[in-house]
Amino acid sequence: MNGVKMRLEDRRSAILAESPAYKYIERLLWTAAPLMILLLVLSNFSMETARQKAEENLANEIAAESAEYCERWGMPVGGPSHAACVRDLGNIRSSAEQRVRNEERAGF
């Protein structure tokens, strides 16, 4: 009896596998899988490009802001005092960023 039941289940599976709807869905899934992988790879590249562009924009914005502050404080662009001012502002920013990172790591 158990053998007959197994043969019936195998026969049902074979009939289902031969149906047009089953074949259509199987083809659709085999086509969609590589497309999804391609989409993931392409989106990863575009996200990396966007991240790099955002970092570049931030660096340019910070440099312009630092130059503006130093100029406002009476240090003309191109002079040695202006370069020292920009360097000092960069050091102040990096130490502030490091403090924030340390506080985040400490769970503050």
PDB file of N, CA and C in Angstrom:
ATOM      1  N   MET A   1       0.818  -1.189   0.000  1.00  0.00           N
ATOM      2  CA  MET A   1       0.000   0.000   0.000  1.00  0.00           C
ATOM      3  C   MET A   1       0.866   1.260   0.000  1.00  0.00           C
ATOM      4  N   ASN A   2       1.931   1.230   0.810  1.00  0.00           N
ATOM      5  CA  ASN A   2       2.819   2.379   0.897  1.00  0.00           C
ATOM      6  C   ASN A   2       3.503   2.652  -0.445  1.00  0.00           C
ATOM      7  N   GLY A   3       3.885   1.587  -1.159  1.00  0.00           N
ATOM      8  CA  GLY A   3       4.516   1.732  -2.459  1.00  0.00           C
ATOM      9  C   GLY A   3       3.568   2.341  -3.486  1.00  0.00           C
ATOM     10  N   VAL A   4       2.290   1.963  -3.422  1.00  0.00           N
ATOM     11  CA  VAL A   4       1.292   2.508  -4.336  1.00  0.00           C
ATOM     12  C   VAL A   4       1.107   3.992  -4.083  1.00  0.00           C
ATOM     13  N   LYS A   5       1.077   4.372  -2.794  1.00  0.00           N
ATOM     14  CA  LYS A   5       0.907   5.771  -2.430  1.00  0.00           C
ATOM     15  C   LYS A   5       2.085   6.603  -2.946  1.00  0.00           C
ATOM     16  N   MET A   6       3.302   6.082  -2.824  1.00  0.00           N
ATOM     17  CA  MET A   6       4.487   6.784  -3.307  1.00  0.00           C
ATOM     18  C   MET A   6       4.421   6.956  -4.821  1.00  0.00           C
ATOM     19  N   ARG A   7       3.982   5.888  -5.520  1.00  0.00           N
ATOM     20  CA  ARG A   7       3.908   5.992  -6.968  1.00  0.00           C
ATOM     21  C   ARG A   7       2.874   7.031  -7.395  1.00  0.00           C
ATOM     22  N   LEU A   8       1.767   7.134  -6.667  1.00  0.00           N
ATOM     23  CA  LEU A   8       0.754   8.136  -6.977  1.00  0.00           C
ATOM     24  C   LEU A   8       1.305   9.548  -6.778  1.00  0.00           C
ATOM     25  N   GLU A   9       2.041   9.761  -5.695  1.00  0.00           N
ATOM     26  CA  GLU A   9       2.636  11.074  -5.444  1.00  0.00           C
ATOM     27  C   GLU A   9       3.672  11.412  -6.515  1.00  0.00           C
ATOM     28  N   ASP A  10       4.481  10.420  -6.923  1.00  0.00           N
ATOM     29  CA  ASP A  10       5.455  10.652  -7.985  1.00  0.00           C
ATOM     30  C   ASP A  10       4.750  10.989  -9.298  1.00  0.00           C
ATOM     31  N   ARG A  11       3.644  10.306  -9.566  1.00  0.00           N
ATOM     32  CA  ARG A  11       2.903  10.556 -10.792  1.00  0.00           C
ATOM     33  C   ARG A  11       2.290  11.955 -10.783  1.00  0.00           C
ATOM     34  N   ARG A  12       1.736  12.369  -9.628  1.00  0.00           N
ATOM     35  CA  ARG A  12       1.174  13.710  -9.511  1.00  0.00           C
ATOM     36  C   ARG A  12       2.264  14.762  -9.729  1.00  0.00           C
ATOM     37  N   SER A  13       3.436  14.522  -9.132  1.00  0.00           N
ATOM     38  CA  SER A  13       4.544  15.469  -9.294  1.00  0.00           C
ATOM     39  C   SER A  13       4.970  15.553 -10.753  1.00  0.00           C
ATOM     40  N   ALA A  14       4.996  14.425 -11.440  1.00  0.00           N
ATOM     41  CA  ALA A  14       5.386  14.410 -12.852  1.00  0.00           C
ATOM     42  C   ALA A  14       4.355  15.150 -13.699  1.00  0.00           C
ATOM     43  N   ILE A  15       3.086  14.969 -13.396  1.00  0.00           N
ATOM     44  CA  ILE A  15       2.030  15.655 -14.157  1.00  0.00           C
ATOM     45  C   ILE A  15       2.121  17.159 -13.910  1.00  0.00           C
ATOM     46  N   LEU A  16       2.321  17.538 -12.648  1.00  0.00           N
ATOM     47  CA  LEU A  16       2.435  18.953 -12.323  1.00  0.00           C
ATOM     48  C   LEU A  16       3.650  19.573 -13.018  1.00  0.00           C
ATOM     49  N   ALA A  17       4.751  18.847 -13.056  1.00  0.00           N
ATOM     50  CA  ALA A  17       5.965  19.355 -13.688  1.00  0.00           C
ATOM     51  C   ALA A  17       5.784  19.526 -15.193  1.00  0.00           C
ATOM     52  N   GLU A  18       4.865  18.804 -15.791  1.00  0.00           N
ATOM     53  CA  GLU A  18       4.642  18.908 -17.225  1.00  0.00           C
ATOM     54  C   GLU A  18       3.613  19.975 -17.581  1.00  0.00           C
ATOM     55  N   SER A  19       2.952  20.555 -16.595  1.00  0.00           N
ATOM     56  CA  SER A  19       1.905  21.534 -16.907  1.00  0.00           C
ATOM     57  C   SER A  19       2.527  22.823 -17.440  1.00  0.00           C
ATOM     58  N   PRO A  20       1.843  23.511 -18.358  1.00  0.00           N
ATOM     59  CA  PRO A  20       2.373  24.747 -18.933  1.00  0.00           C
ATOM     60  C   PRO A  20       2.569  25.845 -17.889  1.00  0.00           C
ATOM     61  N   ALA A  21       1.679  25.920 -16.922  1.00  0.00           N
ATOM     62  CA  ALA A  21       1.805  26.959 -15.891  1.00  0.00           C
ATOM     63  C   ALA A  21       3.072  26.736 -15.069  1.00  0.00           C
ATOM     64  N   TYR A  22       3.343  25.495 -14.721  1.00  0.00           N
ATOM     65  CA  TYR A  22       4.545  25.172 -13.950  1.00  0.00           C
ATOM     66  C   TYR A  22       5.793  25.549 -14.733  1.00  0.00           C
ATOM     67  N   LYS A  23       5.820  25.194 -16.007  1.00  0.00           N
ATOM     68  CA  LYS A  23       6.991  25.511 -16.839  1.00  0.00           C
ATOM     69  C   LYS A  23       7.166  27.020 -16.988  1.00  0.00           C
ATOM     70  N   TYR A  24       6.041  27.745 -17.125  1.00  0.00           N
ATOM     71  CA  TYR A  24       6.110  29.200 -17.255  1.00  0.00           C
ATOM     72  C   TYR A  24       6.688  29.826 -15.982  1.00  0.00           C
ATOM     73  N   ILE A  25       6.200  29.396 -14.842  1.00  0.00           N
ATOM     74  CA  ILE A  25       6.687  29.942 -13.571  1.00  0.00           C
ATOM     75  C   ILE A  25       8.153  29.575 -13.367  1.00  0.00           C
ATOM     76  N   GLU A  26       8.525  28.359 -13.724  1.00  0.00           N
ATOM     77  CA  GLU A  26       9.926  27.951 -13.577  1.00  0.00           C
ATOM     78  C   GLU A  26      10.842  28.807 -14.456  1.00  0.00           C
ATOM     79  N   ARG A  27      10.453  29.044 -15.699  1.00  0.00           N
ATOM     80  CA  ARG A  27      11.251  29.899 -16.591  1.00  0.00           C
ATOM     81  C   ARG A  27      11.344  31.323 -16.042  1.00  0.00           C
ATOM     82  N   LEU A  28      10.208  31.800 -15.545  1.00  0.00           N
ATOM     83  CA  LEU A  28      10.178  33.143 -14.979  1.00  0.00           C
ATOM     84  C   LEU A  28      11.150  33.265 -13.799  1.00  0.00           C
ATOM     85  N   LEU A  29      11.146  32.292 -12.923  1.00  0.00           N
ATOM     86  CA  LEU A  29      12.053  32.327 -11.773  1.00  0.00           C
ATOM     87  C   LEU A  29      13.515  32.210 -12.207  1.00  0.00           C
ATOM     88  N   TRP A  30      13.808  31.357 -13.178  1.00  0.00           N
ATOM     89  CA  TRP A  30      15.196  31.213 -13.639  1.00  0.00           C
ATOM     90  C   TRP A  30      15.674  32.474 -14.360  1.00  0.00           C
ATOM     91  N   THR A  31      14.758  33.200 -14.951  1.00  0.00           N
ATOM     92  CA  THR A  31      15.122  34.459 -15.608  1.00  0.00           C
ATOM     93  C   THR A  31      15.273  35.571 -14.574  1.00  0.00           C
ATOM     94  N   ALA A  32      14.411  35.589 -13.579  1.00  0.00           N
ATOM     95  CA  ALA A  32      14.421  36.665 -12.589  1.00  0.00           C
ATOM     96  C   ALA A  32      15.634  36.591 -11.666  1.00  0.00           C
ATOM     97  N   ALA A  33      16.100  35.400 -11.343  1.00  0.00           N
ATOM     98  CA  ALA A  33      17.215  35.264 -10.391  1.00  0.00           C
ATOM     99  C   ALA A  33      18.476  35.977 -10.872  1.00  0.00           C
ATOM    100  N   PRO A  34      18.963  35.747 -12.092  1.00  0.00           N
ATOM    101  CA  PRO A  34      20.163  36.467 -12.526  1.00  0.00           C
ATOM    102  C   PRO A  34      19.940  37.976 -12.633  1.00  0.00           C
ATOM    103  N   LEU A  35      18.724  38.376 -13.019  1.00  0.00           N
ATOM    104  CA  LEU A  35      18.428  39.807 -13.103  1.00  0.00           C
ATOM    105  C   LEU A  35      18.484  40.461 -11.723  1.00  0.00           C
ATOM    106  N   MET A  36      17.998  39.755 -10.717  1.00  0.00           N
ATOM    107  CA  MET A  36      18.052  40.288  -9.361  1.00  0.00           C
ATOM    108  C   MET A  36      19.497  40.406  -8.878  1.00  0.00           C
ATOM    109  N   ILE A  37      20.317  39.425  -9.201  1.00  0.00           N
ATOM    110  CA  ILE A  37      21.733  39.486  -8.818  1.00  0.00           C
ATOM    111  C   ILE A  37      22.409  40.651  -9.527  1.00  0.00           C
ATOM    112  N   LEU A  38      22.127  40.824 -10.795  1.00  0.00           N
ATOM    113  CA  LEU A  38      22.696  41.948 -11.547  1.00  0.00           C
ATOM    114  C   LEU A  38      22.257  43.281 -10.944  1.00  0.00           C
ATOM    115  N   LEU A  39      20.996  43.378 -10.576  1.00  0.00           N
ATOM    116  CA  LEU A  39      20.480  44.601  -9.962  1.00  0.00           C
ATOM    117  C   LEU A  39      21.193  44.893  -8.642  1.00  0.00           C
ATOM    118  N   LEU A  40      21.426  43.879  -7.839  1.00  0.00           N
ATOM    119  CA  LEU A  40      22.141  44.067  -6.574  1.00  0.00           C
ATOM    120  C   LEU A  40      23.562  44.562  -6.809  1.00  0.00           C
ATOM    121  N   VAL A  41      24.250  43.983  -7.784  1.00  0.00           N
ATOM    122  CA  VAL A  41      25.625  44.390  -8.076  1.00  0.00           C
ATOM    123  C   VAL A  41      25.662  45.835  -8.567  1.00  0.00           C
ATOM    124  N   LEU A  42      24.772  46.170  -9.485  1.00  0.00           N
ATOM    125  CA  LEU A  42      24.744  47.537 -10.018  1.00  0.00           C
ATOM    126  C   LEU A  42      24.375  48.559  -8.955  1.00  0.00           C
ATOM    127  N   SER A  43      23.440  48.214  -8.083  1.00  0.00           N
ATOM    128  CA  SER A  43      23.056  49.158  -7.033  1.00  0.00           C
ATOM    129  C   SER A  43      24.193  49.347  -6.038  1.00  0.00           C
ATOM    130  N   ASN A  44      24.984  48.302  -5.810  1.00  0.00           N
ATOM    131  CA  ASN A  44      26.131  48.430  -4.915  1.00  0.00           C
ATOM    132  C   ASN A  44      27.149  49.419  -5.491  1.00  0.00           C
ATOM    133  N   PHE A  45      27.402  49.330  -6.792  1.00  0.00           N
ATOM    134  CA  PHE A  45      28.336  50.261  -7.432  1.00  0.00           C
ATOM    135  C   PHE A  45      27.814  51.696  -7.366  1.00  0.00           C
ATOM    136  N   SER A  46      26.528  51.879  -7.616  1.00  0.00           N
ATOM    137  CA  SER A  46      25.976  53.233  -7.597  1.00  0.00           C
ATOM    138  C   SER A  46      25.966  53.803  -6.183  1.00  0.00           C
ATOM    139  N   MET A  47      25.729  52.971  -5.175  1.00  0.00           N
ATOM    140  CA  MET A  47      25.772  53.450  -3.794  1.00  0.00           C
ATOM    141  C   MET A  47      27.192  53.852  -3.410  1.00  0.00           C
ATOM    142  N   GLU A  48      28.174  53.096  -3.843  1.00  0.00           N
ATOM    143  CA  GLU A  48      29.573  53.427  -3.549  1.00  0.00           C
ATOM    144  C   GLU A  48      29.955  54.736  -4.224  1.00  0.00           C
ATOM    145  N   THR A  49      29.537  54.921  -5.463  1.00  0.00           N
ATOM    146  CA  THR A  49      29.816  56.168  -6.185  1.00  0.00           C
ATOM    147  C   THR A  49      29.153  57.351  -5.485  1.00  0.00           C
ATOM    148  N   ALA A  50      27.920  57.177  -5.049  1.00  0.00           N
ATOM    149  CA  ALA A  50      27.207  58.249  -4.350  1.00  0.00           C
ATOM    150  C   ALA A  50      27.884  58.576  -3.028  1.00  0.00           C
ATOM    151  N   ARG A  51      28.365  57.555  -2.318  1.00  0.00           N
ATOM    152  CA  ARG A  51      29.057  57.781  -1.046  1.00  0.00           C
ATOM    153  C   ARG A  51      30.341  58.559  -1.270  1.00  0.00           C
ATOM    154  N   GLN A  52      31.109  58.189  -2.286  1.00  0.00           N
ATOM    155  CA  GLN A  52      32.349  58.900  -2.589  1.00  0.00           C
ATOM    156  C   GLN A  52      32.069  60.341  -2.989  1.00  0.00           C
ATOM    157  N   LYS A  53      31.030  60.564  -3.761  1.00  0.00           N
ATOM    158  CA  LYS A  53      30.672  61.916  -4.177  1.00  0.00           C
ATOM    159  C   LYS A  53      30.258  62.759  -2.972  1.00  0.00           C
ATOM    160  N   ALA A  54      29.512  62.155  -2.048  1.00  0.00           N
ATOM    161  CA  ALA A  54      29.087  62.874  -0.843  1.00  0.00           C
ATOM    162  C   ALA A  54      30.290  63.238   0.023  1.00  0.00           C
ATOM    163  N   GLU A  55      31.250  62.322   0.148  1.00  0.00           N
ATOM    164  CA  GLU A  55      32.467  62.623   0.911  1.00  0.00           C
ATOM    165  C   GLU A  55      33.254  63.753   0.260  1.00  0.00           C
ATOM    166  N   GLU A  56      33.344  63.721  -1.059  1.00  0.00           N
ATOM    167  CA  GLU A  56      34.060  64.768  -1.789  1.00  0.00           C
ATOM    168  C   GLU A  56      33.375  66.118  -1.608  1.00  0.00           C
ATOM    169  N   ASN A  57      32.048  66.136  -1.711  1.00  0.00           N
ATOM    170  CA  ASN A  57      31.296  67.379  -1.519  1.00  0.00           C
ATOM    171  C   ASN A  57      31.478  67.926  -0.105  1.00  0.00           C
ATOM    172  N   LEU A  58      31.468  67.039   0.883  1.00  0.00           N
ATOM    173  CA  LEU A  58      31.653  67.462   2.266  1.00  0.00           C
ATOM    174  C   LEU A  58      33.039  68.052   2.476  1.00  0.00           C
ATOM    175  N   ALA A  59      34.058  67.420   1.910  1.00  0.00           N
ATOM    176  CA  ALA A  59      35.423  67.932   2.044  1.00  0.00           C
ATOM    177  C   ALA A  59      35.549  69.311   1.395  1.00  0.00           C
ATOM    178  N   ASN A  60      34.957  69.484   0.227  1.00  0.00           N
ATOM    179  CA  ASN A  60      34.996  70.792  -0.439  1.00  0.00           C
ATOM    180  C   ASN A  60      34.248  71.850   0.368  1.00  0.00           C
ATOM    181  N   GLU A  61      33.120  71.468   0.931  1.00  0.00           N
ATOM    182  CA  GLU A  61      32.330  72.398   1.731  1.00  0.00           C
ATOM    183  C   GLU A  61      33.093  72.826   2.991  1.00  0.00           C
ATOM    184  N   ILE A  62      33.748  71.877   3.637  1.00  0.00           N
ATOM    185  CA  ILE A  62      34.523  72.186   4.840  1.00  0.00           C
ATOM    186  C   ILE A  62      35.700  73.082   4.504  1.00  0.00           C
ATOM    187  N   ALA A  63      36.379  72.806   3.395  1.00  0.00           N
ATOM    188  CA  ALA A  63      37.525  73.635   2.995  1.00  0.00           C
ATOM    189  C   ALA A  63      37.082  75.066   2.694  1.00  0.00           C
ATOM    190  N   ALA A  64      35.959  75.220   1.998  1.00  0.00           N
ATOM    191  CA  ALA A  64      35.459  76.560   1.687  1.00  0.00           C
ATOM    192  C   ALA A  64      35.043  77.293   2.965  1.00  0.00           C
ATOM    193  N   GLU A  65      34.425  76.562   3.873  1.00  0.00           N
ATOM    194  CA  GLU A  65      34.001  77.164   5.133  1.00  0.00           C
ATOM    195  C   GLU A  65      35.207  77.614   5.956  1.00  0.00           C
ATOM    196  N   SER A  66      36.235  76.781   6.010  1.00  0.00           N
ATOM    197  CA  SER A  66      37.446  77.142   6.756  1.00  0.00           C
ATOM    198  C   SER A  66      38.112  78.370   6.151  1.00  0.00           C
ATOM    199  N   ALA A  67      38.215  78.410   4.830  1.00  0.00           N
ATOM    200  CA  ALA A  67      38.826  79.563   4.165  1.00  0.00           C
ATOM    201  C   ALA A  67      38.016  80.825   4.431  1.00  0.00           C
ATOM    202  N   GLU A  68      36.697  80.697   4.433  1.00  0.00           N
ATOM    203  CA  GLU A  68      35.833  81.850   4.688  1.00  0.00           C
ATOM    204  C   GLU A  68      36.023  82.379   6.110  1.00  0.00           C
ATOM    205  N   TYR A  69      36.093  81.491   7.089  1.00  0.00           N
ATOM    206  CA  TYR A  69      36.297  81.932   8.469  1.00  0.00           C
ATOM    207  C   TYR A  69      37.636  82.632   8.639  1.00  0.00           C
ATOM    208  N   CYS A  70      38.678  82.058   8.082  1.00  0.00           N
ATOM    209  CA  CYS A  70      40.005  82.658   8.235  1.00  0.00           C
ATOM    210  C   CYS A  70      40.061  84.024   7.558  1.00  0.00           C
ATOM    211  N   GLU A  71      39.400  84.129   6.412  1.00  0.00           N
ATOM    212  CA  GLU A  71      39.368  85.414   5.718  1.00  0.00           C
ATOM    213  C   GLU A  71      38.567  86.437   6.526  1.00  0.00           C
ATOM    214  N   ARG A  72      37.489  85.994   7.129  1.00  0.00           N
ATOM    215  CA  ARG A  72      36.664  86.875   7.949  1.00  0.00           C
ATOM    216  C   ARG A  72      37.447  87.374   9.169  1.00  0.00           C
ATOM    217  N   TRP A  73      38.356  86.553   9.671  1.00  0.00           N
ATOM    218  CA  TRP A  73      39.151  86.918  10.841  1.00  0.00           C
ATOM    219  C   TRP A  73      40.381  87.756  10.475  1.00  0.00           C
ATOM    220  N   GLY A  74      40.427  88.217   9.222  1.00  0.00           N
ATOM    221  CA  GLY A  74      41.473  89.152   8.811  1.00  0.00           C
ATOM    222  C   GLY A  74      42.745  88.510   8.292  1.00  0.00           C
ATOM    223  N   MET A  75      42.676  87.295   7.839  1.00  0.00           N
ATOM    224  CA  MET A  75      43.849  86.625   7.290  1.00  0.00           C
ATOM    225  C   MET A  75      43.628  86.451   5.792  1.00  0.00           C
ATOM    226  N   PRO A  76      44.341  87.210   4.962  1.00  0.00           N
ATOM    227  CA  PRO A  76      44.106  87.147   3.513  1.00  0.00           C
ATOM    228  C   PRO A  76      44.484  85.786   2.924  1.00  0.00           C
ATOM    229  N   VAL A  77      43.702  85.413   1.914  1.00  0.00           N
ATOM    230  CA  VAL A  77      43.942  84.125   1.240  1.00  0.00           C
ATOM    231  C   VAL A  77      45.334  84.128   0.624  1.00  0.00           C
ATOM    232  N   GLY A  78      46.050  83.049   0.795  1.00  0.00           N
ATOM    233  CA  GLY A  78      47.387  82.901   0.217  1.00  0.00           C
ATOM    234  C   GLY A  78      48.501  83.273   1.171  1.00  0.00           C
ATOM    235  N   GLY A  79      48.177  83.927   2.254  1.00  0.00           N
ATOM    236  CA  GLY A  79      49.208  84.317   3.211  1.00  0.00           C
ATOM    237  C   GLY A  79      49.541  83.179   4.166  1.00  0.00           C
ATOM    238  N   PRO A  80      50.708  83.285   4.842  1.00  0.00           N
ATOM    239  CA  PRO A  80      51.103  82.218   5.765  1.00  0.00           C
ATOM    240  C   PRO A  80      50.148  82.104   6.957  1.00  0.00           C
ATOM    241  N   SER A  81      49.604  83.240   7.402  1.00  0.00           N
ATOM    242  CA  SER A  81      48.681  83.173   8.536  1.00  0.00           C
ATOM    243  C   SER A  81      47.370  82.485   8.130  1.00  0.00           C
ATOM    244  N   HIS A  82      46.948  82.692   6.875  1.00  0.00           N
ATOM    245  CA  HIS A  82      45.730  82.037   6.386  1.00  0.00           C
ATOM    246  C   HIS A  82      45.928  80.528   6.332  1.00  0.00           C
ATOM    247  N   ALA A  83      47.060  80.088   5.838  1.00  0.00           N
ATOM    248  CA  ALA A  83      47.336  78.649   5.758  1.00  0.00           C
ATOM    249  C   ALA A  83      47.368  78.035   7.159  1.00  0.00           C
ATOM    250  N   ALA A  84      47.985  78.738   8.107  1.00  0.00           N
ATOM    251  CA  ALA A  84      48.044  78.237   9.483  1.00  0.00           C
ATOM    252  C   ALA A  84      46.638  78.182  10.089  1.00  0.00           C
ATOM    253  N   CYS A  85      45.826  79.191   9.789  1.00  0.00           N
ATOM    254  CA  CYS A  85      44.447  79.228  10.297  1.00  0.00           C
ATOM    255  C   CYS A  85      43.637  78.052   9.762  1.00  0.00           C
ATOM    256  N   VAL A  86      43.737  77.796   8.467  1.00  0.00           N
ATOM    257  CA  VAL A  86      43.008  76.674   7.857  1.00  0.00           C
ATOM    258  C   VAL A  86      43.473  75.357   8.472  1.00  0.00           C
ATOM    259  N   ARG A  87      44.764  75.221   8.674  1.00  0.00           N
ATOM    260  CA  ARG A  87      45.323  74.007   9.277  1.00  0.00           C
ATOM    261  C   ARG A  87      44.801  73.841  10.712  1.00  0.00           C
ATOM    262  N   ASP A  88      44.775  74.942  11.472  1.00  0.00           N
ATOM    263  CA  ASP A  88      44.272  74.870  12.845  1.00  0.00           C
ATOM    264  C   ASP A  88      42.792  74.500  12.889  1.00  0.00           C
ATOM    265  N   LEU A  89      42.011  75.078  11.989  1.00  0.00           N
ATOM    266  CA  LEU A  89      40.592  74.724  11.934  1.00  0.00           C
ATOM    267  C   LEU A  89      40.400  73.244  11.583  1.00  0.00           C
ATOM    268  N   GLY A  90      41.244  72.738  10.695  1.00  0.00           N
ATOM    269  CA  GLY A  90      41.190  71.311  10.354  1.00  0.00           C
ATOM    270  C   GLY A  90      41.500  70.441  11.562  1.00  0.00           C
ATOM    271  N   ASN A  91      42.497  70.860  12.342  1.00  0.00           N
ATOM    272  CA  ASN A  91      42.838  70.101  13.554  1.00  0.00           C
ATOM    273  C   ASN A  91      41.705  70.149  14.572  1.00  0.00           C
ATOM    274  N   ILE A  92      41.072  71.313  14.712  1.00  0.00           N
ATOM    275  CA  ILE A  92      39.947  71.438  15.641  1.00  0.00           C
ATOM    276  C   ILE A  92      38.805  70.521  15.198  1.00  0.00           C
ATOM    277  N   ARG A  93      38.498  70.515  13.905  1.00  0.00           N
ATOM    278  CA  ARG A  93      37.422  69.653  13.395  1.00  0.00           C
ATOM    279  C   ARG A  93      37.742  68.183  13.626  1.00  0.00           C
ATOM    280  N   SER A  94      38.973  67.778  13.313  1.00  0.00           N
ATOM    281  CA  SER A  94      39.287  66.351  13.471  1.00  0.00           C
ATOM    282  C   SER A  94      39.267  65.920  14.924  1.00  0.00           C
ATOM    283  N   SER A  95      39.720  66.781  15.838  1.00  0.00           N
ATOM    284  CA  SER A  95      39.672  66.378  17.250  1.00  0.00           C
ATOM    285  C   SER A  95      38.224  66.330  17.734  1.00  0.00           C
ATOM    286  N   ALA A  96      37.369  67.227  17.257  1.00  0.00           N
ATOM    287  CA  ALA A  96      35.954  67.183  17.631  1.00  0.00           C
ATOM    288  C   ALA A  96      35.291  65.918  17.079  1.00  0.00           C
ATOM    289  N   GLU A  97      35.599  65.573  15.836  1.00  0.00           N
ATOM    290  CA  GLU A  97      35.047  64.350  15.243  1.00  0.00           C
ATOM    291  C   GLU A  97      35.519  63.118  16.010  1.00  0.00           C
ATOM    292  N   GLN A  98      36.780  63.121  16.430  1.00  0.00           N
ATOM    293  CA  GLN A  98      37.316  61.979  17.183  1.00  0.00           C
ATOM    294  C   GLN A  98      36.604  61.855  18.531  1.00  0.00           C
ATOM    295  N   ARG A  99      36.326  62.989  19.175  1.00  0.00           N
ATOM    296  CA  ARG A  99      35.593  62.956  20.445  1.00  0.00           C
ATOM    297  C   ARG A  99      34.204  62.343  20.246  1.00  0.00           C
ATOM    298  N   VAL A 100      33.541  62.728  19.178  1.00  0.00           N
ATOM    299  CA  VAL A 100      32.201  62.180  18.905  1.00  0.00           C
ATOM    300  C   VAL A 100      32.288  60.691  18.658  1.00  0.00           C
ATOM    301  N   ARG A 101      33.272  60.243  17.880  1.00  0.00           N
ATOM    302  CA  ARG A 101      33.445  58.810  17.619  1.00  0.00           C
ATOM    303  C   ARG A 101      33.701  58.048  18.913  1.00  0.00           C
ATOM    304  N   ASN A 102      34.550  58.609  19.783  1.00  0.00           N
ATOM    305  CA  ASN A 102      34.851  57.944  21.056  1.00  0.00           C
ATOM    306  C   ASN A 102      33.601  57.848  21.932  1.00  0.00           C
ATOM    307  N   GLU A 103      32.785  58.903  21.936  1.00  0.00           N
ATOM    308  CA  GLU A 103      31.554  58.867  22.726  1.00  0.00           C
ATOM    309  C   GLU A 103      30.582  57.836  22.162  1.00  0.00           C
ATOM    310  N   GLU A 104      30.526  57.724  20.830  1.00  0.00           N
ATOM    311  CA  GLU A 104      29.638  56.722  20.226  1.00  0.00           C
ATOM    312  C   GLU A 104      30.083  55.318  20.579  1.00  0.00           C
ATOM    313  N   ARG A 105      31.399  55.081  20.573  1.00  0.00           N
ATOM    314  CA  ARG A 105      31.910  53.754  20.926  1.00  0.00           C
ATOM    315  C   ARG A 105      31.625  53.425  22.378  1.00  0.00           C
ATOM    316  N   ALA A 106      31.682  54.453  23.238  1.00  0.00           N
ATOM    317  CA  ALA A 106      31.442  54.227  24.654  1.00  0.00           C
ATOM    318  C   ALA A 106      29.951  54.048  24.954  1.00  0.00           C
ATOM    319  N   GLY A 107      29.104  54.276  23.945  1.00  0.00           N
ATOM    320  CA  GLY A 107      27.678  54.104  24.125  1.00  0.00           C
ATOM    321  C   GLY A 107      27.043  55.253  24.869  1.00  0.00           C
ATOM    322  N   PHE A 108      27.599  56.409  24.686  1.00  0.00           N
ATOM    323  CA  PHE A 108      27.135  57.602  25.370  1.00  0.00           C
ATOM    324  C   PHE A 108      25.961  58.188  24.688  1.00  0.00           C
TER     325      PHE A 108
END
